[in-house]
Amino acid sequence: MLEVGTQAPGFSAPDQDGEEVSLQSLRGNWVIFWWYPKASTPG
């Protein structure tokens, strides 16, 4: 668990087009990472 104010660790994730985007490639910009953990799951 990250503490408030802690910098996010480096990571990569696919964007809406399936292209990999890394946090490093967005350095210097505001970033919002949003996901739905229960999306596409039963229940």
PDB file of N, CA and C in Angstrom:
ATOM      1  N   MET A   1       0.845  -1.168   0.000  1.00  0.00           N
ATOM      2  CA  MET A   1       0.000   0.000   0.000  1.00  0.00           C
ATOM      3  C   MET A   1       0.897   1.239   0.000  1.00  0.00           C
ATOM      4  N   LEU A   2       0.570   2.194  -0.848  1.00  0.00           N
ATOM      5  CA  LEU A   2       1.337   3.443  -0.898  1.00  0.00           C
ATOM      6  C   LEU A   2       0.774   4.442   0.099  1.00  0.00           C
ATOM      7  N   GLU A   3       1.642   5.189   0.707  1.00  0.00           N
ATOM      8  CA  GLU A   3       1.241   6.275   1.588  1.00  0.00           C
ATOM      9  C   GLU A   3       0.899   7.498   0.740  1.00  0.00           C
ATOM     10  N   VAL A   4       0.007   8.338   1.231  1.00  0.00           N
ATOM     11  CA  VAL A   4      -0.344   9.579   0.533  1.00  0.00           C
ATOM     12  C   VAL A   4       0.923  10.389   0.315  1.00  0.00           C
ATOM     13  N   GLY A   5       1.104  10.892  -0.906  1.00  0.00           N
ATOM     14  CA  GLY A   5       2.263  11.702  -1.251  1.00  0.00           C
ATOM     15  C   GLY A   5       3.447  10.913  -1.777  1.00  0.00           C
ATOM     16  N   THR A   6       3.370   9.580  -1.715  1.00  0.00           N
ATOM     17  CA  THR A   6       4.445   8.739  -2.236  1.00  0.00           C
ATOM     18  C   THR A   6       4.375   8.710  -3.757  1.00  0.00           C
ATOM     19  N   GLN A   7       5.526   8.793  -4.403  1.00  0.00           N
ATOM     20  CA  GLN A   7       5.540   8.691  -5.857  1.00  0.00           C
ATOM     21  C   GLN A   7       5.151   7.285  -6.282  1.00  0.00           C
ATOM     22  N   ALA A   8       4.425   7.204  -7.385  1.00  0.00           N
ATOM     23  CA  ALA A   8       4.010   5.900  -7.906  1.00  0.00           C
ATOM     24  C   ALA A   8       5.223   5.133  -8.426  1.00  0.00           C
ATOM     25  N   PRO A   9       5.246   3.829  -8.212  1.00  0.00           N
ATOM     26  CA  PRO A   9       6.333   3.019  -8.775  1.00  0.00           C
ATOM     27  C   PRO A   9       6.181   2.933 -10.289  1.00  0.00           C
ATOM     28  N   GLY A  10       7.254   2.650 -10.985  1.00  0.00           N
ATOM     29  CA  GLY A  10       7.194   2.509 -12.438  1.00  0.00           C
ATOM     30  C   GLY A  10       6.300   1.347 -12.839  1.00  0.00           C
ATOM     31  N   PHE A  11       5.524   1.521 -13.878  1.00  0.00           N
ATOM     32  CA  PHE A  11       4.678   0.445 -14.380  1.00  0.00           C
ATOM     33  C   PHE A  11       4.340   0.701 -15.840  1.00  0.00           C
ATOM     34  N   SER A  12       3.837  -0.316 -16.498  1.00  0.00           N
ATOM     35  CA  SER A  12       3.339  -0.221 -17.868  1.00  0.00           C
ATOM     36  C   SER A  12       1.941  -0.811 -17.883  1.00  0.00           C
ATOM     37  N   ALA A  13       1.109  -0.313 -18.783  1.00  0.00           N
ATOM     38  CA  ALA A  13      -0.247  -0.829 -18.932  1.00  0.00           C
ATOM     39  C   ALA A  13      -0.714  -0.562 -20.356  1.00  0.00           C
ATOM     40  N   PRO A  14      -1.597  -1.392 -20.877  1.00  0.00           N
ATOM     41  CA  PRO A  14      -2.125  -1.135 -22.215  1.00  0.00           C
ATOM     42  C   PRO A  14      -3.122   0.018 -22.196  1.00  0.00           C
ATOM     43  N   ASP A  15      -3.079   0.841 -23.237  1.00  0.00           N
ATOM     44  CA  ASP A  15      -4.064   1.918 -23.354  1.00  0.00           C
ATOM     45  C   ASP A  15      -5.317   1.386 -24.045  1.00  0.00           C
ATOM     46  N   GLN A  16      -6.244   2.264 -24.371  1.00  0.00           N
ATOM     47  CA  GLN A  16      -7.512   1.849 -24.970  1.00  0.00           C
ATOM     48  C   GLN A  16      -7.346   1.195 -26.339  1.00  0.00           C
ATOM     49  N   ASP A  17      -6.178   1.375 -26.964  1.00  0.00           N
ATOM     50  CA  ASP A  17      -5.908   0.764 -28.268  1.00  0.00           C
ATOM     51  C   ASP A  17      -5.021  -0.473 -28.152  1.00  0.00           C
ATOM     52  N   GLY A  18      -4.698  -0.867 -26.910  1.00  0.00           N
ATOM     53  CA  GLY A  18      -3.861  -2.041 -26.701  1.00  0.00           C
ATOM     54  C   GLY A  18      -2.370  -1.753 -26.757  1.00  0.00           C
ATOM     55  N   GLU A  19      -1.978  -0.482 -26.916  1.00  0.00           N
ATOM     56  CA  GLU A  19      -0.565  -0.101 -26.965  1.00  0.00           C
ATOM     57  C   GLU A  19      -0.037   0.062 -25.543  1.00  0.00           C
ATOM     58  N   GLU A  20       1.184  -0.443 -25.284  1.00  0.00           N
ATOM     59  CA  GLU A  20       1.785  -0.306 -23.962  1.00  0.00           C
ATOM     60  C   GLU A  20       2.192   1.149 -23.712  1.00  0.00           C
ATOM     61  N   VAL A  21       1.822   1.653 -22.560  1.00  0.00           N
ATOM     62  CA  VAL A  21       2.207   2.995 -22.123  1.00  0.00           C
ATOM     63  C   VAL A  21       2.878   2.835 -20.768  1.00  0.00           C
ATOM     64  N   SER A  22       4.030   3.449 -20.600  1.00  0.00           N
ATOM     65  CA  SER A  22       4.719   3.359 -19.313  1.00  0.00           C
ATOM     66  C   SER A  22       4.608   4.691 -18.580  1.00  0.00           C
ATOM     67  N   LEU A  23       4.673   4.606 -17.277  1.00  0.00           N
ATOM     68  CA  LEU A  23       4.654   5.826 -16.478  1.00  0.00           C
ATOM     69  C   LEU A  23       5.848   6.699 -16.843  1.00  0.00           C
ATOM     70  N   GLN A  24       6.989   6.085 -17.098  1.00  0.00           N
ATOM     71  CA  GLN A  24       8.199   6.835 -17.478  1.00  0.00           C
ATOM     72  C   GLN A  24       7.964   7.660 -18.746  1.00  0.00           C
ATOM     73  N   SER A  25       7.232   7.116 -19.716  1.00  0.00           N
ATOM     74  CA  SER A  25       6.997   7.840 -20.979  1.00  0.00           C
ATOM     75  C   SER A  25       6.097   9.055 -20.782  1.00  0.00           C
ATOM     76  N   LEU A  26       5.399   9.117 -19.645  1.00  0.00           N
ATOM     77  CA  LEU A  26       4.499  10.234 -19.349  1.00  0.00           C
ATOM     78  C   LEU A  26       5.092  11.208 -18.344  1.00  0.00           C
ATOM     79  N   ARG A  27       6.355  10.996 -17.982  1.00  0.00           N
ATOM     80  CA  ARG A  27       7.019  11.830 -16.972  1.00  0.00           C
ATOM     81  C   ARG A  27       6.900  13.305 -17.336  1.00  0.00           C
ATOM     82  N   GLY A  28       6.585  14.132 -16.337  1.00  0.00           N
ATOM     83  CA  GLY A  28       6.447  15.570 -16.547  1.00  0.00           C
ATOM     84  C   GLY A  28       5.024  15.985 -16.867  1.00  0.00           C
ATOM     85  N   ASN A  29       4.117  15.021 -17.004  1.00  0.00           N
ATOM     86  CA  ASN A  29       2.711  15.299 -17.291  1.00  0.00           C
ATOM     87  C   ASN A  29       1.846  14.818 -16.136  1.00  0.00           C
ATOM     88  N   TRP A  30       0.658  15.375 -16.002  1.00  0.00           N
ATOM     89  CA  TRP A  30      -0.309  14.858 -15.053  1.00  0.00           C
ATOM     90  C   TRP A  30      -0.815  13.529 -15.581  1.00  0.00           C
ATOM     91  N   VAL A  31      -0.973  12.552 -14.697  1.00  0.00           N
ATOM     92  CA  VAL A  31      -1.420  11.219 -15.106  1.00  0.00           C
ATOM     93  C   VAL A  31      -2.545  10.759 -14.188  1.00  0.00           C
ATOM     94  N   ILE A  32      -3.622  10.267 -14.775  1.00  0.00           N
ATOM     95  CA  ILE A  32      -4.693   9.624 -14.021  1.00  0.00           C
ATOM     96  C   ILE A  32      -4.791   8.198 -14.536  1.00  0.00           C
ATOM     97  N   PHE A  33      -4.674   7.254 -13.634  1.00  0.00           N
ATOM     98  CA  PHE A  33      -4.781   5.841 -13.991  1.00  0.00           C
ATOM     99  C   PHE A  33      -6.089   5.351 -13.405  1.00  0.00           C
ATOM    100  N   TRP A  34      -7.022   4.992 -14.256  1.00  0.00           N
ATOM    101  CA  TRP A  34      -8.360   4.614 -13.831  1.00  0.00           C
ATOM    102  C   TRP A  34      -8.667   3.215 -14.332  1.00  0.00           C
ATOM    103  N   TRP A  35      -9.192   2.377 -13.481  1.00  0.00           N
ATOM    104  CA  TRP A  35      -9.579   1.048 -13.908  1.00  0.00           C
ATOM    105  C   TRP A  35     -10.763   0.585 -13.075  1.00  0.00           C
ATOM    106  N   TYR A  36     -11.423  -0.403 -13.574  1.00  0.00           N
ATOM    107  CA  TYR A  36     -12.552  -1.004 -12.892  1.00  0.00           C
ATOM    108  C   TYR A  36     -12.162  -2.444 -12.560  1.00  0.00           C
ATOM    109  N   PRO A  37     -11.796  -2.725 -11.315  1.00  0.00           N
ATOM    110  CA  PRO A  37     -11.300  -4.058 -10.986  1.00  0.00           C
ATOM    111  C   PRO A  37     -12.326  -5.171 -11.227  1.00  0.00           C
ATOM    112  N   LYS A  38     -13.602  -4.866 -11.208  1.00  0.00           N
ATOM    113  CA  LYS A  38     -14.598  -5.921 -11.410  1.00  0.00           C
ATOM    114  C   LYS A  38     -15.186  -5.893 -12.824  1.00  0.00           C
ATOM    115  N   ALA A  39     -14.660  -5.061 -13.697  1.00  0.00           N
ATOM    116  CA  ALA A  39     -15.165  -5.017 -15.072  1.00  0.00           C
ATOM    117  C   ALA A  39     -14.888  -6.347 -15.763  1.00  0.00           C
ATOM    118  N   SER A  40     -15.807  -6.771 -16.544  1.00  0.00           N
ATOM    119  CA  SER A  40     -15.688  -8.014 -17.327  1.00  0.00           C
ATOM    120  C   SER A  40     -15.517  -9.254 -16.442  1.00  0.00           C
ATOM    121  N   THR A  41     -16.027  -9.195 -15.220  1.00  0.00           N
ATOM    122  CA  THR A  41     -15.985 -10.383 -14.358  1.00  0.00           C
ATOM    123  C   THR A  41     -17.407 -10.741 -13.952  1.00  0.00           C
ATOM    124  N   PRO A  42     -17.669 -12.011 -13.724  1.00  0.00           N
ATOM    125  CA  PRO A  42     -19.011 -12.392 -13.311  1.00  0.00           C
ATOM    126  C   PRO A  42     -19.312 -11.853 -11.901  1.00  0.00           C
ATOM    127  N   GLY A  43     -20.549 -11.491 -11.691  1.00  0.00           N
ATOM    128  CA  GLY A  43     -20.984 -11.062 -10.367  1.00  0.00           C
ATOM    129  C   GLY A  43     -20.813  -9.640 -10.188  1.00  0.00           C
TER     130      GLY A  43
END
